[in-house]
Amino acid sequence: MLWIEAAAGARRAEAGEAPLVRLHSECLTSEALGSLRCDCREQLGEALGLAARGEASVLYLRGHEWRGIGLAQKLSAYALQDAGADTVEANLALGREADERGFAHAATALTARGLRRVRLLSNNPAKAEALREHGIEVVGMVPTLRVTHPEAIHYLETKEHKMGHLFNGATA
């Protein structure tokens, strides 16, 4: 885990306001290798830009590669996607869950920093629910930008239609 804290966020927390926080799941293929199959690199860039301006904090979560199934299984899932499966179908075909990530350690890290209330920089209502289950009050969600490169369109549609991601500014 890596914590990048915006000073303004710390001041908001001290004042009892909910700071903006991004829980970002590690994505080696996108962030380091430049894959365009997902929107992870763009989401991280957006969050780091907000952190640099003092508007958000980022908690970078290692071990979350491909919704928690790991790099080797992710590459197998890529092969299934190349044969026509979407990301959820590929994970299930590998005998995995659609999303195996856990956020208990993220909630513990937020609590250790005195953050019991946050606004979440995310399109994923399951992240907000997971934090709530671990005692963090999520008072709203701020959607990340939606990428438009053609390689990620099917991935984003799957996130929206099968996993309930919110891309239109709705809050969970």
C-alpha atoms as a PDB file:
ATOM      1  CA  MET A   1       0.000   0.000   0.000  1.00  0.00           C
ATOM      2  CA  LEU A   2       1.151   3.499  -0.782  1.00  0.00           C
ATOM      3  CA  TRP A   3      -0.521   6.608   0.665  1.00  0.00           C
ATOM      4  CA  ILE A   4      -0.323   9.951  -1.123  1.00  0.00           C
ATOM      5  CA  GLU A   5      -2.004  12.575   1.018  1.00  0.00           C
ATOM      6  CA  ALA A   6      -3.232  15.957  -0.068  1.00  0.00           C
ATOM      7  CA  ALA A   7      -2.679  18.582   2.628  1.00  0.00           C
ATOM      8  CA  ALA A   8      -6.090  20.075   1.908  1.00  0.00           C
ATOM      9  CA  GLY A   9      -7.641  16.643   2.484  1.00  0.00           C
ATOM     10  CA  ALA A  10      -5.996  16.362   5.888  1.00  0.00           C
ATOM     11  CA  ARG A  11      -7.316  19.822   6.812  1.00  0.00           C
ATOM     12  CA  ARG A  12     -10.822  18.839   5.676  1.00  0.00           C
ATOM     13  CA  ALA A  13     -10.693  15.690   7.816  1.00  0.00           C
ATOM     14  CA  GLU A  14      -9.553  17.725  10.832  1.00  0.00           C
ATOM     15  CA  ALA A  15     -12.480  20.098  10.241  1.00  0.00           C
ATOM     16  CA  GLY A  16     -14.897  17.163  10.208  1.00  0.00           C
ATOM     17  CA  GLU A  17     -15.444  17.321   6.450  1.00  0.00           C
ATOM     18  CA  ALA A  18     -15.101  14.311   4.190  1.00  0.00           C
ATOM     19  CA  PRO A  19     -11.920  14.493   2.094  1.00  0.00           C
ATOM     20  CA  LEU A  20     -11.797  13.125  -1.443  1.00  0.00           C
ATOM     21  CA  VAL A  21      -9.949   9.780  -1.551  1.00  0.00           C
ATOM     22  CA  ARG A  22      -9.091   7.450  -4.417  1.00  0.00           C
ATOM     23  CA  LEU A  23      -8.590   3.755  -3.603  1.00  0.00           C
ATOM     24  CA  HIS A  24      -6.591   2.691  -6.635  1.00  0.00           C
ATOM     25  CA  SER A  25      -6.048  -0.971  -7.462  1.00  0.00           C
ATOM     26  CA  GLU A  26      -2.663  -1.864  -8.905  1.00  0.00           C
ATOM     27  CA  CYS A  27      -2.699  -2.557 -12.679  1.00  0.00           C
ATOM     28  CA  LEU A  28       0.749  -3.436 -13.998  1.00  0.00           C
ATOM     29  CA  THR A  29      -0.345  -4.026 -17.593  1.00  0.00           C
ATOM     30  CA  SER A  30      -1.888  -0.574 -17.921  1.00  0.00           C
ATOM     31  CA  GLU A  31       0.245   1.548 -15.599  1.00  0.00           C
ATOM     32  CA  ALA A  32       3.671   0.134 -16.475  1.00  0.00           C
ATOM     33  CA  LEU A  33       3.207  -1.615 -19.820  1.00  0.00           C
ATOM     34  CA  GLY A  34       0.746   0.790 -21.446  1.00  0.00           C
ATOM     35  CA  SER A  35      -2.137  -1.603 -22.130  1.00  0.00           C
ATOM     36  CA  LEU A  36      -5.245   0.163 -23.417  1.00  0.00           C
ATOM     37  CA  ARG A  37      -7.638  -2.676 -22.464  1.00  0.00           C
ATOM     38  CA  CYS A  38      -8.749  -0.841 -19.310  1.00  0.00           C
ATOM     39  CA  ASP A  39      -8.967   2.657 -17.843  1.00  0.00           C
ATOM     40  CA  CYS A  40      -6.661   2.099 -14.864  1.00  0.00           C
ATOM     41  CA  ARG A  41      -3.764   4.266 -16.048  1.00  0.00           C
ATOM     42  CA  GLU A  42      -6.086   7.168 -16.779  1.00  0.00           C
ATOM     43  CA  GLN A  43      -7.811   6.824 -13.410  1.00  0.00           C
ATOM     44  CA  LEU A  44      -4.477   6.823 -11.591  1.00  0.00           C
ATOM     45  CA  GLY A  45      -3.286   9.835 -13.575  1.00  0.00           C
ATOM     46  CA  GLU A  46      -6.453  11.734 -12.754  1.00  0.00           C
ATOM     47  CA  ALA A  47      -6.156  10.905  -9.043  1.00  0.00           C
ATOM     48  CA  LEU A  48      -2.469  11.852  -8.894  1.00  0.00           C
ATOM     49  CA  GLY A  49      -3.243  15.132 -10.645  1.00  0.00           C
ATOM     50  CA  LEU A  50      -5.885  15.909  -8.031  1.00  0.00           C
ATOM     51  CA  ALA A  51      -3.418  14.960  -5.280  1.00  0.00           C
ATOM     52  CA  ALA A  52      -0.752  17.241  -6.788  1.00  0.00           C
ATOM     53  CA  ARG A  53      -3.265  20.111  -6.648  1.00  0.00           C
ATOM     54  CA  GLY A  54      -4.114  19.242  -3.034  1.00  0.00           C
ATOM     55  CA  GLU A  55      -7.660  18.159  -3.889  1.00  0.00           C
ATOM     56  CA  ALA A  56      -7.532  14.407  -3.178  1.00  0.00           C
ATOM     57  CA  SER A  57      -5.527  11.696  -1.484  1.00  0.00           C
ATOM     58  CA  VAL A  58      -4.654   8.380  -3.123  1.00  0.00           C
ATOM     59  CA  LEU A  59      -4.334   4.979  -1.485  1.00  0.00           C
ATOM     60  CA  TYR A  60      -2.557   2.706  -3.996  1.00  0.00           C
ATOM     61  CA  LEU A  61      -3.483  -0.921  -3.324  1.00  0.00           C
ATOM     62  CA  ARG A  62      -0.926  -3.554  -4.285  1.00  0.00           C
ATOM     63  CA  GLY A  63      -2.069  -7.119  -4.924  1.00  0.00           C
ATOM     64  CA  HIS A  64      -5.278  -6.059  -6.634  1.00  0.00           C
ATOM     65  CA  GLU A  65      -4.174  -6.892 -10.170  1.00  0.00           C
ATOM     66  CA  TRP A  66      -7.182  -7.701 -12.395  1.00  0.00           C
ATOM     67  CA  ARG A  67      -9.728  -7.435  -9.631  1.00  0.00           C
ATOM     68  CA  GLY A  68      -7.583  -9.520  -7.310  1.00  0.00           C
ATOM     69  CA  ILE A  69      -6.840 -12.625  -9.418  1.00  0.00           C
ATOM     70  CA  GLY A  70      -3.212 -11.737 -10.125  1.00  0.00           C
ATOM     71  CA  LEU A  71      -1.066 -11.130 -13.170  1.00  0.00           C
ATOM     72  CA  ALA A  72      -0.752 -14.732 -14.440  1.00  0.00           C
ATOM     73  CA  GLN A  73      -4.517 -15.271 -14.316  1.00  0.00           C
ATOM     74  CA  LYS A  74      -5.032 -11.842 -15.885  1.00  0.00           C
ATOM     75  CA  LEU A  75      -2.998 -12.907 -18.902  1.00  0.00           C
ATOM     76  CA  SER A  76      -5.144 -16.039 -19.197  1.00  0.00           C
ATOM     77  CA  ALA A  77      -8.231 -13.825 -18.980  1.00  0.00           C
ATOM     78  CA  TYR A  78      -6.810 -11.670 -21.791  1.00  0.00           C
ATOM     79  CA  ALA A  79      -6.663 -14.778 -24.008  1.00  0.00           C
ATOM     80  CA  LEU A  80     -10.303 -15.527 -23.218  1.00  0.00           C
ATOM     81  CA  GLN A  81     -11.216 -11.940 -24.023  1.00  0.00           C
ATOM     82  CA  ASP A  82      -9.424 -12.222 -27.339  1.00  0.00           C
ATOM     83  CA  ALA A  83     -11.740 -15.193 -28.039  1.00  0.00           C
ATOM     84  CA  GLY A  84     -14.839 -13.075 -27.289  1.00  0.00           C
ATOM     85  CA  ALA A  85     -15.423 -13.192 -23.518  1.00  0.00           C
ATOM     86  CA  ASP A  86     -15.896 -10.017 -21.532  1.00  0.00           C
ATOM     87  CA  THR A  87     -13.916  -9.420 -18.350  1.00  0.00           C
ATOM     88  CA  VAL A  88     -16.522 -10.968 -16.048  1.00  0.00           C
ATOM     89  CA  GLU A  89     -17.015 -14.019 -18.273  1.00  0.00           C
ATOM     90  CA  ALA A  90     -13.239 -14.502 -18.508  1.00  0.00           C
ATOM     91  CA  ASN A  91     -12.781 -14.474 -14.726  1.00  0.00           C
ATOM     92  CA  LEU A  92     -15.662 -16.909 -14.239  1.00  0.00           C
ATOM     93  CA  ALA A  93     -14.319 -19.220 -16.965  1.00  0.00           C
ATOM     94  CA  LEU A  94     -11.039 -19.363 -15.034  1.00  0.00           C
ATOM     95  CA  GLY A  95     -12.927 -20.497 -11.925  1.00  0.00           C
ATOM     96  CA  ARG A  96     -12.531 -17.116 -10.252  1.00  0.00           C
ATOM     97  CA  GLU A  97     -15.022 -14.554  -8.976  1.00  0.00           C
ATOM     98  CA  ALA A  98     -15.896 -11.512 -11.068  1.00  0.00           C
ATOM     99  CA  ASP A  99     -14.086  -9.386  -8.460  1.00  0.00           C
ATOM    100  CA  GLU A 100     -11.942 -10.898  -5.708  1.00  0.00           C
ATOM    101  CA  ARG A 101     -10.573  -7.713  -4.222  1.00  0.00           C
ATOM    102  CA  GLY A 102     -10.961  -7.007  -0.543  1.00  0.00           C
ATOM    103  CA  PHE A 103     -10.943  -3.557   1.012  1.00  0.00           C
ATOM    104  CA  ALA A 104     -10.593  -4.310   4.742  1.00  0.00           C
ATOM    105  CA  HIS A 105      -6.927  -3.272   4.680  1.00  0.00           C
ATOM    106  CA  ALA A 106      -7.864  -0.040   2.883  1.00  0.00           C
ATOM    107  CA  ALA A 107     -10.437   0.750   5.577  1.00  0.00           C
ATOM    108  CA  THR A 108      -7.820   0.013   8.247  1.00  0.00           C
ATOM    109  CA  ALA A 109      -5.347   2.368   6.531  1.00  0.00           C
ATOM    110  CA  LEU A 110      -7.957   5.142   6.309  1.00  0.00           C
ATOM    111  CA  THR A 111      -8.899   4.687   9.970  1.00  0.00           C
ATOM    112  CA  ALA A 112      -5.219   4.802  10.983  1.00  0.00           C
ATOM    113  CA  ARG A 113      -5.034   8.214   9.302  1.00  0.00           C
ATOM    114  CA  GLY A 114      -8.089   9.436  11.195  1.00  0.00           C
ATOM    115  CA  LEU A 115     -10.359   9.225   8.162  1.00  0.00           C
ATOM    116  CA  ARG A 116     -13.743   7.831   9.178  1.00  0.00           C
ATOM    117  CA  ARG A 117     -15.708   9.837   6.562  1.00  0.00           C
ATOM    118  CA  VAL A 118     -14.663  10.171   2.911  1.00  0.00           C
ATOM    119  CA  ARG A 119     -15.863  11.120  -0.520  1.00  0.00           C
ATOM    120  CA  LEU A 120     -14.720   8.387  -2.864  1.00  0.00           C
ATOM    121  CA  LEU A 121     -13.143   9.145  -6.248  1.00  0.00           C
ATOM    122  CA  SER A 122     -14.538   6.103  -8.055  1.00  0.00           C
ATOM    123  CA  ASN A 123     -17.216   4.810 -10.407  1.00  0.00           C
ATOM    124  CA  ASN A 124     -17.515   1.566  -8.431  1.00  0.00           C
ATOM    125  CA  PRO A 125     -20.327   1.457  -5.844  1.00  0.00           C
ATOM    126  CA  ALA A 126     -18.988  -1.893  -4.564  1.00  0.00           C
ATOM    127  CA  LYS A 127     -15.898  -0.046  -3.245  1.00  0.00           C
ATOM    128  CA  ALA A 128     -18.131   2.345  -1.337  1.00  0.00           C
ATOM    129  CA  GLU A 129     -20.163  -0.536   0.090  1.00  0.00           C
ATOM    130  CA  ALA A 130     -17.007  -2.437   1.098  1.00  0.00           C
ATOM    131  CA  LEU A 131     -15.711   0.608   2.972  1.00  0.00           C
ATOM    132  CA  ARG A 132     -19.059   1.043   4.708  1.00  0.00           C
ATOM    133  CA  GLU A 133     -18.977  -2.611   5.788  1.00  0.00           C
ATOM    134  CA  HIS A 134     -15.642  -1.848   7.473  1.00  0.00           C
ATOM    135  CA  GLY A 135     -16.801   1.252   9.328  1.00  0.00           C
ATOM    136  CA  ILE A 136     -15.904   4.034   6.890  1.00  0.00           C
ATOM    137  CA  GLU A 137     -18.721   6.452   6.107  1.00  0.00           C
ATOM    138  CA  VAL A 138     -18.780   7.186   2.363  1.00  0.00           C
ATOM    139  CA  VAL A 139     -20.730  10.423   2.042  1.00  0.00           C
ATOM    140  CA  GLY A 140     -20.583  10.521  -1.744  1.00  0.00           C
ATOM    141  CA  MET A 141     -18.835   9.379  -4.859  1.00  0.00           C
ATOM    142  CA  VAL A 142     -17.072  11.548  -7.411  1.00  0.00           C
ATOM    143  CA  PRO A 143     -16.873   9.731 -10.750  1.00  0.00           C
ATOM    144  CA  THR A 144     -13.578   9.395 -12.559  1.00  0.00           C
ATOM    145  CA  LEU A 145     -13.312  10.487 -16.156  1.00  0.00           C
ATOM    146  CA  ARG A 146     -14.453   7.947 -18.717  1.00  0.00           C
ATOM    147  CA  VAL A 147     -11.779   7.113 -21.273  1.00  0.00           C
ATOM    148  CA  THR A 148     -12.724   6.859 -24.913  1.00  0.00           C
ATOM    149  CA  HIS A 149      -9.959   4.859 -26.564  1.00  0.00           C
ATOM    150  CA  PRO A 150     -11.563   2.079 -28.633  1.00  0.00           C
ATOM    151  CA  GLU A 151      -9.604  -0.749 -26.981  1.00  0.00           C
ATOM    152  CA  ALA A 152     -11.372  -0.111 -23.649  1.00  0.00           C
ATOM    153  CA  ILE A 153     -14.980   0.362 -24.812  1.00  0.00           C
ATOM    154  CA  HIS A 154     -16.083  -3.274 -24.265  1.00  0.00           C
ATOM    155  CA  TYR A 155     -14.338  -3.308 -20.876  1.00  0.00           C
ATOM    156  CA  LEU A 156     -16.097  -0.126 -19.761  1.00  0.00           C
ATOM    157  CA  GLU A 157     -19.475  -1.358 -20.998  1.00  0.00           C
ATOM    158  CA  THR A 158     -18.987  -4.551 -18.983  1.00  0.00           C
ATOM    159  CA  LYS A 159     -18.092  -2.527 -15.878  1.00  0.00           C
ATOM    160  CA  GLU A 160     -21.231  -0.456 -16.292  1.00  0.00           C
ATOM    161  CA  HIS A 161     -23.739  -3.162 -17.273  1.00  0.00           C
ATOM    162  CA  LYS A 162     -22.496  -6.187 -15.323  1.00  0.00           C
ATOM    163  CA  MET A 163     -20.719  -4.633 -12.337  1.00  0.00           C
ATOM    164  CA  GLY A 164     -22.882  -1.569 -11.734  1.00  0.00           C
ATOM    165  CA  HIS A 165     -20.227   1.100 -12.227  1.00  0.00           C
ATOM    166  CA  LEU A 166     -21.579   4.651 -12.364  1.00  0.00           C
ATOM    167  CA  PHE A 167     -20.270   6.822 -15.185  1.00  0.00           C
ATOM    168  CA  ASN A 168     -22.837   9.609 -15.170  1.00  0.00           C
ATOM    169  CA  GLY A 169     -22.028  11.395 -11.920  1.00  0.00           C
ATOM    170  CA  ALA A 170     -24.505   9.465  -9.760  1.00  0.00           C
ATOM    171  CA  THR A 171     -23.649   8.913  -6.114  1.00  0.00           C
ATOM    172  CA  ALA A 172     -23.990   5.696  -4.170  1.00  0.00           C
END
